[in-house]
Amino acid sequence: ECDKKSYFIAPPAMKKVMHGDKIKAV
C-alpha cells in the first residue's frame, strides 16, 4: 500500500516480509 496506489505481492515474495512492514520494492 503506497500513497496513491496498491501493488500485488506474490506468495513467494511474501515470505520475505510480514504484514505491517514498511519496505522499498522494485
PDB file of all heavy atoms in Angstrom:
ATOM      1  N   GLU A   1       0.846  -1.193   0.000  1.00  0.00           N
ATOM      2  CA  GLU A   1       0.000   0.000   0.000  1.00  0.00           C
ATOM      3  C   GLU A   1       0.878   1.239   0.000  1.00  0.00           C
ATOM      4  O   GLU A   1       1.586   1.524   0.972  1.00  0.00           O
ATOM      5  CB  GLU A   1      -0.914  -0.001   1.231  1.00  0.00           C
ATOM      6  CG  GLU A   1      -1.812  -1.228   1.345  1.00  0.00           C
ATOM      7  CD  GLU A   1      -2.907  -1.255   0.295  1.00  0.00           C
ATOM      8  OE1 GLU A   1      -3.162  -0.199  -0.322  1.00  0.00           O
ATOM      9  OE2 GLU A   1      -3.503  -2.327   0.088  1.00  0.00           O
ATOM     10  N   CYS A   2       0.835   1.981  -1.110  1.00  0.00           N
ATOM     11  CA  CYS A   2       1.578   3.237  -1.214  1.00  0.00           C
ATOM     12  C   CYS A   2       0.593   4.403  -1.099  1.00  0.00           C
ATOM     13  O   CYS A   2      -0.599   4.198  -0.909  1.00  0.00           O
ATOM     14  CB  CYS A   2       2.345   3.282  -2.530  1.00  0.00           C
ATOM     15  SG  CYS A   2       3.470   1.875  -2.729  1.00  0.00           S
ATOM     16  N   ASP A   3       1.085   5.617  -1.252  1.00  0.00           N
ATOM     17  CA  ASP A   3       0.226   6.784  -1.048  1.00  0.00           C
ATOM     18  C   ASP A   3      -0.984   6.778  -1.975  1.00  0.00           C
ATOM     19  O   ASP A   3      -2.109   7.020  -1.548  1.00  0.00           O
ATOM     20  CB  ASP A   3       1.032   8.072  -1.267  1.00  0.00           C
ATOM     21  CG  ASP A   3       2.004   8.323  -0.118  1.00  0.00           C
ATOM     22  OD1 ASP A   3       1.778   7.750   0.957  1.00  0.00           O
ATOM     23  OD2 ASP A   3       2.977   9.069  -0.321  1.00  0.00           O
ATOM     24  N   LYS A   4      -0.745   6.471  -3.255  1.00  0.00           N
ATOM     25  CA  LYS A   4      -1.827   6.609  -4.228  1.00  0.00           C
ATOM     26  C   LYS A   4      -2.123   5.321  -4.978  1.00  0.00           C
ATOM     27  O   LYS A   4      -3.000   5.302  -5.843  1.00  0.00           O
ATOM     28  CB  LYS A   4      -1.476   7.706  -5.239  1.00  0.00           C
ATOM     29  CG  LYS A   4      -1.307   9.087  -4.602  1.00  0.00           C
ATOM     30  CD  LYS A   4      -0.946  10.129  -5.649  1.00  0.00           C
ATOM     31  CE  LYS A   4      -0.771  11.510  -5.020  1.00  0.00           C
ATOM     32  NZ  LYS A   4      -0.384  12.534  -6.030  1.00  0.00           N
ATOM     33  N   LYS A   5      -1.410   4.246  -4.656  1.00  0.00           N
ATOM     34  CA  LYS A   5      -1.576   3.036  -5.440  1.00  0.00           C
ATOM     35  C   LYS A   5      -1.264   1.814  -4.602  1.00  0.00           C
ATOM     36  O   LYS A   5      -0.539   1.891  -3.605  1.00  0.00           O
ATOM     37  CB  LYS A   5      -0.654   3.088  -6.669  1.00  0.00           C
ATOM     38  CG  LYS A   5      -1.006   2.099  -7.761  1.00  0.00           C
ATOM     39  CD  LYS A   5      -0.204   2.380  -9.020  1.00  0.00           C
ATOM     40  CE  LYS A   5      -0.567   1.402 -10.131  1.00  0.00           C
ATOM     41  NZ  LYS A   5       0.203   1.655 -11.376  1.00  0.00           N
ATOM     42  N   SER A   6      -1.807   0.676  -5.028  1.00  0.00           N
ATOM     43  CA  SER A   6      -1.575  -0.593  -4.348  1.00  0.00           C
ATOM     44  C   SER A   6      -0.978  -1.581  -5.345  1.00  0.00           C
ATOM     45  O   SER A   6      -1.450  -1.682  -6.483  1.00  0.00           O
ATOM     46  CB  SER A   6      -2.895  -1.132  -3.785  1.00  0.00           C
ATOM     47  OG  SER A   6      -2.692  -2.358  -3.132  1.00  0.00           O
ATOM     48  N   TYR A   7       0.089  -2.287  -4.930  1.00  0.00           N
ATOM     49  CA  TYR A   7       0.773  -3.230  -5.809  1.00  0.00           C
ATOM     50  C   TYR A   7       0.671  -4.639  -5.236  1.00  0.00           C
ATOM     51  O   TYR A   7       0.822  -4.851  -4.025  1.00  0.00           O
ATOM     52  CB  TYR A   7       2.249  -2.855  -5.972  1.00  0.00           C
ATOM     53  CG  TYR A   7       2.480  -1.503  -6.597  1.00  0.00           C
ATOM     54  CD1 TYR A   7       2.627  -0.365  -5.801  1.00  0.00           C
ATOM     55  CD2 TYR A   7       2.546  -1.353  -7.979  1.00  0.00           C
ATOM     56  CE1 TYR A   7       2.839   0.884  -6.368  1.00  0.00           C
ATOM     57  CE2 TYR A   7       2.756  -0.103  -8.559  1.00  0.00           C
ATOM     58  CZ  TYR A   7       2.898   1.008  -7.750  1.00  0.00           C
ATOM     59  OH  TYR A   7       3.104   2.245  -8.315  1.00  0.00           O
ATOM     60  N   PHE A   8       0.465  -5.613  -6.127  1.00  0.00           N
ATOM     61  CA  PHE A   8       0.344  -7.010  -5.740  1.00  0.00           C
ATOM     62  C   PHE A   8       1.703  -7.575  -5.331  1.00  0.00           C
ATOM     63  O   PHE A   8       2.725  -7.292  -5.957  1.00  0.00           O
ATOM     64  CB  PHE A   8      -0.218  -7.812  -6.916  1.00  0.00           C
ATOM     65  CG  PHE A   8      -0.417  -9.274  -6.622  1.00  0.00           C
ATOM     66  CD1 PHE A   8      -1.506  -9.701  -5.870  1.00  0.00           C
ATOM     67  CD2 PHE A   8       0.477 -10.222  -7.093  1.00  0.00           C
ATOM     68  CE1 PHE A   8      -1.705 -11.047  -5.607  1.00  0.00           C
ATOM     69  CE2 PHE A   8       0.291 -11.570  -6.833  1.00  0.00           C
ATOM     70  CZ  PHE A   8      -0.801 -11.982  -6.086  1.00  0.00           C
ATOM     71  N   ILE A   9       1.708  -8.361  -4.242  1.00  0.00           N
ATOM     72  CA  ILE A   9       2.913  -9.077  -3.820  1.00  0.00           C
ATOM     73  C   ILE A   9       2.593 -10.565  -3.896  1.00  0.00           C
ATOM     74  O   ILE A   9       1.675 -11.051  -3.223  1.00  0.00           O
ATOM     75  CB  ILE A   9       3.347  -8.705  -2.395  1.00  0.00           C
ATOM     76  CG1 ILE A   9       3.527  -7.193  -2.240  1.00  0.00           C
ATOM     77  CG2 ILE A   9       4.656  -9.418  -2.029  1.00  0.00           C
ATOM     78  CD1 ILE A   9       3.862  -6.750  -0.821  1.00  0.00           C
ATOM     79  N   ALA A  10       3.334 -11.296  -4.710  1.00  0.00           N
ATOM     80  CA  ALA A  10       3.081 -12.721  -4.912  1.00  0.00           C
ATOM     81  C   ALA A  10       3.461 -13.521  -3.669  1.00  0.00           C
ATOM     82  O   ALA A  10       4.299 -13.086  -2.878  1.00  0.00           O
ATOM     83  CB  ALA A  10       3.874 -13.222  -6.122  1.00  0.00           C
ATOM     84  N   PRO A  11       2.856 -14.711  -3.484  1.00  0.00           N
ATOM     85  CA  PRO A  11       3.142 -15.527  -2.300  1.00  0.00           C
ATOM     86  C   PRO A  11       4.626 -15.791  -2.044  1.00  0.00           C
ATOM     87  O   PRO A  11       5.062 -15.687  -0.887  1.00  0.00           O
ATOM     88  CB  PRO A  11       2.365 -16.816  -2.576  1.00  0.00           C
ATOM     89  CG  PRO A  11       1.202 -16.363  -3.401  1.00  0.00           C
ATOM     90  CD  PRO A  11       1.760 -15.293  -4.278  1.00  0.00           C
ATOM     91  N   PRO A  12       5.454 -16.135  -3.077  1.00  0.00           N
ATOM     92  CA  PRO A  12       6.879 -16.346  -2.774  1.00  0.00           C
ATOM     93  C   PRO A  12       7.551 -15.103  -2.195  1.00  0.00           C
ATOM     94  O   PRO A  12       8.392 -15.206  -1.293  1.00  0.00           O
ATOM     95  CB  PRO A  12       7.470 -16.711  -4.146  1.00  0.00           C
ATOM     96  CG  PRO A  12       6.320 -17.256  -4.927  1.00  0.00           C
ATOM     97  CD  PRO A  12       5.144 -16.452  -4.488  1.00  0.00           C
ATOM     98  N   ALA A  13       7.180 -13.922  -2.716  1.00  0.00           N
ATOM     99  CA  ALA A  13       7.770 -12.677  -2.213  1.00  0.00           C
ATOM    100  C   ALA A  13       7.281 -12.353  -0.807  1.00  0.00           C
ATOM    101  O   ALA A  13       7.999 -11.726  -0.010  1.00  0.00           O
ATOM    102  CB  ALA A  13       7.447 -11.523  -3.160  1.00  0.00           C
ATOM    103  N   MET A  14       6.054 -12.785  -0.471  1.00  0.00           N
ATOM    104  CA  MET A  14       5.506 -12.520   0.864  1.00  0.00           C
ATOM    105  C   MET A  14       6.284 -13.249   1.965  1.00  0.00           C
ATOM    106  O   MET A  14       6.210 -12.884   3.135  1.00  0.00           O
ATOM    107  CB  MET A  14       4.033 -12.913   0.933  1.00  0.00           C
ATOM    108  CG  MET A  14       3.072 -11.894   0.335  1.00  0.00           C
ATOM    109  SD  MET A  14       3.065 -10.299   1.201  1.00  0.00           S
ATOM    110  CE  MET A  14       2.402 -10.757   2.805  1.00  0.00           C
ATOM    111  N   LYS A  15       7.035 -14.282   1.575  1.00  0.00           N
ATOM    112  CA  LYS A  15       7.844 -14.997   2.575  1.00  0.00           C
ATOM    113  C   LYS A  15       9.003 -14.137   3.077  1.00  0.00           C
ATOM    114  O   LYS A  15       9.604 -14.439   4.109  1.00  0.00           O
ATOM    115  CB  LYS A  15       8.376 -16.303   1.980  1.00  0.00           C
ATOM    116  CG  LYS A  15       7.288 -17.309   1.622  1.00  0.00           C
ATOM    117  CD  LYS A  15       7.879 -18.604   1.115  1.00  0.00           C
ATOM    118  CE  LYS A  15       6.784 -19.586   0.687  1.00  0.00           C
ATOM    119  NZ  LYS A  15       5.861 -19.933   1.789  1.00  0.00           N
ATOM    120  N   LYS A  16       9.314 -13.064   2.356  1.00  0.00           N
ATOM    121  CA  LYS A  16      10.406 -12.181   2.753  1.00  0.00           C
ATOM    122  C   LYS A  16       9.937 -11.048   3.668  1.00  0.00           C
ATOM    123  O   LYS A  16      10.757 -10.309   4.214  1.00  0.00           O
ATOM    124  CB  LYS A  16      11.052 -11.550   1.510  1.00  0.00           C
ATOM    125  CG  LYS A  16      11.579 -12.537   0.490  1.00  0.00           C
ATOM    126  CD  LYS A  16      12.106 -11.772  -0.722  1.00  0.00           C
ATOM    127  CE  LYS A  16      12.545 -12.701  -1.834  1.00  0.00           C
ATOM    128  NZ  LYS A  16      13.017 -11.942  -3.030  1.00  0.00           N
ATOM    129  N   VAL A  17       8.622 -10.880   3.790  1.00  0.00           N
ATOM    130  CA  VAL A  17       8.083  -9.736   4.530  1.00  0.00           C
ATOM    131  C   VAL A  17       6.958 -10.192   5.452  1.00  0.00           C
ATOM    132  O   VAL A  17       6.561 -11.356   5.454  1.00  0.00           O
ATOM    133  CB  VAL A  17       7.561  -8.644   3.574  1.00  0.00           C
ATOM    134  CG1 VAL A  17       8.704  -8.033   2.778  1.00  0.00           C
ATOM    135  CG2 VAL A  17       6.493  -9.207   2.636  1.00  0.00           C
ATOM    136  N   MET A  18       6.454  -9.246   6.211  1.00  0.00           N
ATOM    137  CA  MET A  18       5.390  -9.521   7.172  1.00  0.00           C
ATOM    138  C   MET A  18       4.370  -8.389   7.114  1.00  0.00           C
ATOM    139  O   MET A  18       4.712  -7.241   6.781  1.00  0.00           O
ATOM    140  CB  MET A  18       6.005  -9.615   8.574  1.00  0.00           C
ATOM    141  CG  MET A  18       5.077 -10.046   9.669  1.00  0.00           C
ATOM    142  SD  MET A  18       6.000 -10.231  11.214  1.00  0.00           S
ATOM    143  CE  MET A  18       7.047 -11.639  10.844  1.00  0.00           C
ATOM    144  N   HIS A  19       3.135  -8.725   7.405  1.00  0.00           N
ATOM    145  CA  HIS A  19       2.090  -7.691   7.447  1.00  0.00           C
ATOM    146  C   HIS A  19       2.554  -6.524   8.327  1.00  0.00           C
ATOM    147  O   HIS A  19       3.011  -6.719   9.452  1.00  0.00           O
ATOM    148  CB  HIS A  19       0.796  -8.268   8.018  1.00  0.00           C
ATOM    149  CG  HIS A  19      -0.289  -7.254   8.171  1.00  0.00           C
ATOM    150  ND1 HIS A  19      -1.189  -6.951   7.176  1.00  0.00           N
ATOM    151  CD2 HIS A  19      -0.607  -6.438   9.221  1.00  0.00           C
ATOM    152  CE1 HIS A  19      -2.010  -6.006   7.600  1.00  0.00           C
ATOM    153  NE2 HIS A  19      -1.689  -5.683   8.833  1.00  0.00           N
ATOM    154  N   GLY A  20       2.423  -5.311   7.791  1.00  0.00           N
ATOM    155  CA  GLY A  20       2.796  -4.128   8.558  1.00  0.00           C
ATOM    156  C   GLY A  20       4.201  -3.637   8.325  1.00  0.00           C
ATOM    157  O   GLY A  20       4.540  -2.516   8.728  1.00  0.00           O
ATOM    158  N   ASP A  21       5.050  -4.443   7.676  1.00  0.00           N
ATOM    159  CA  ASP A  21       6.410  -3.984   7.367  1.00  0.00           C
ATOM    160  C   ASP A  21       6.361  -2.788   6.422  1.00  0.00           C
ATOM    161  O   ASP A  21       5.581  -2.769   5.453  1.00  0.00           O
ATOM    162  CB  ASP A  21       7.215  -5.096   6.681  1.00  0.00           C
ATOM    163  CG  ASP A  21       7.754  -6.140   7.645  1.00  0.00           C
ATOM    164  OD1 ASP A  21       7.725  -5.889   8.862  1.00  0.00           O
ATOM    165  OD2 ASP A  21       8.221  -7.194   7.167  1.00  0.00           O
ATOM    166  N   LYS A  22       7.215  -1.792   6.678  1.00  0.00           N
ATOM    167  CA  LYS A  22       7.417  -0.712   5.721  1.00  0.00           C
ATOM    168  C   LYS A  22       8.662  -1.051   4.910  1.00  0.00           C
ATOM    169  O   LYS A  22       9.735  -1.278   5.481  1.00  0.00           O
ATOM    170  CB  LYS A  22       7.583   0.632   6.440  1.00  0.00           C
ATOM    171  CG  LYS A  22       6.318   1.100   7.134  1.00  0.00           C
ATOM    172  CD  LYS A  22       6.510   2.454   7.791  1.00  0.00           C
ATOM    173  CE  LYS A  22       5.215   2.898   8.473  1.00  0.00           C
ATOM    174  NZ  LYS A  22       5.370   4.219   9.155  1.00  0.00           N
ATOM    175  N   ILE A  23       8.491  -1.121   3.580  1.00  0.00           N
ATOM    176  CA  ILE A  23       9.585  -1.594   2.734  1.00  0.00           C
ATOM    177  C   ILE A  23       9.752  -0.727   1.496  1.00  0.00           C
ATOM    178  O   ILE A  23       8.870   0.068   1.148  1.00  0.00           O
ATOM    179  CB  ILE A  23       9.362  -3.060   2.289  1.00  0.00           C
ATOM    180  CG1 ILE A  23       8.124  -3.155   1.374  1.00  0.00           C
ATOM    181  CG2 ILE A  23       9.204  -3.987   3.496  1.00  0.00           C
ATOM    182  CD1 ILE A  23       7.982  -4.485   0.666  1.00  0.00           C
ATOM    183  N   LYS A  24      10.893  -0.912   0.831  1.00  0.00           N
ATOM    184  CA  LYS A  24      11.099  -0.418  -0.523  1.00  0.00           C
ATOM    185  C   LYS A  24      11.008  -1.614  -1.449  1.00  0.00           C
ATOM    186  O   LYS A  24      11.477  -2.705  -1.108  1.00  0.00           O
ATOM    187  CB  LYS A  24      12.467   0.253  -0.656  1.00  0.00           C
ATOM    188  CG  LYS A  24      12.596   1.560   0.100  1.00  0.00           C
ATOM    189  CD  LYS A  24      13.968   2.178  -0.112  1.00  0.00           C
ATOM    190  CE  LYS A  24      14.083   3.505   0.637  1.00  0.00           C
ATOM    191  NZ  LYS A  24      15.444   4.106   0.482  1.00  0.00           N
ATOM    192  N   ALA A  25      10.399  -1.424  -2.600  1.00  0.00           N
ATOM    193  CA  ALA A  25      10.203  -2.540  -3.524  1.00  0.00           C
ATOM    194  C   ALA A  25      10.454  -2.093  -4.959  1.00  0.00           C
ATOM    195  O   ALA A  25      10.257  -0.927  -5.319  1.00  0.00           O
ATOM    196  CB  ALA A  25       8.787  -3.095  -3.385  1.00  0.00           C
ATOM    197  N   VAL A  26      10.894  -3.048  -5.769  1.00  0.00           N
ATOM    198  CA  VAL A  26      11.043  -2.848  -7.209  1.00  0.00           C
ATOM    199  C   VAL A  26       9.730  -3.249  -7.877  1.00  0.00           C
ATOM    200  O   VAL A  26       9.146  -4.287  -7.541  1.00  0.00           O
ATOM    201  CB  VAL A  26      12.196  -3.704  -7.757  1.00  0.00           C
ATOM    202  CG1 VAL A  26      12.298  -3.556  -9.279  1.00  0.00           C
ATOM    203  CG2 VAL A  26      13.504  -3.315  -7.101  1.00  0.00           C
TER     204      VAL A  26
END
